[in-house]
Structures are given as structure tokens and as C-alpha cells.
Amino acid sequence: PVLASDVGGVGELVVHDHTGWLLAPENLEALDDTLALVLSVPTAVASMRPACRRIAEGRVSPAVIATAYRECFARALASRS
């Protein structure tokens, strides 16, 4: 699980309260509160691990990234013909 600010593409990978915690950027109070929660409830972190692994394997594993690149290059080459 991850504790992150909801900036850039982070929100596409982190599902709040499912694979981690998304916080508003620069909200130090939310960061403090959420970090205290994470440290006080280790079972919450442990219960998120399977969902984190599924997302990582399904969206950002080397095999998934390689396939996405291969498909992108194939489309680019096909559009040149």
C-alpha cells in the first residue's frame, strides 16, 4: 500500500482505502492523520496487499508495459503504410 498525494497519474494506480491512501497535495494535516492511522492499524495495510499486487501485475508489470510498447510501435508502423 502507498500513502501519496493525488497528483499526476498517481490516482490511476492508487485506489483510496483499497490499495493505499490518496491525499490532497500540500494537505499536511491529512498526511499526519493518515500516517497515524496507517501506523496504528497494521492490519489495514496487510489487508490491502493482495489488491496492490493485482494492480501492479495487471497494469505496470514488465510484461504489461512491454506489450503496451509493442502495440504502440505496431500502430505507428501501420500508420506509415
Foldseek 3Di string as FASTA:
>chain_A
DDEEEPDDCPCVQDDDLQQYHYDHPPPVVVVVVVVVVCVVCVVSNVNNVVVNVVSCVVPPDPVNVVVVVVVVVVVVVVVVD
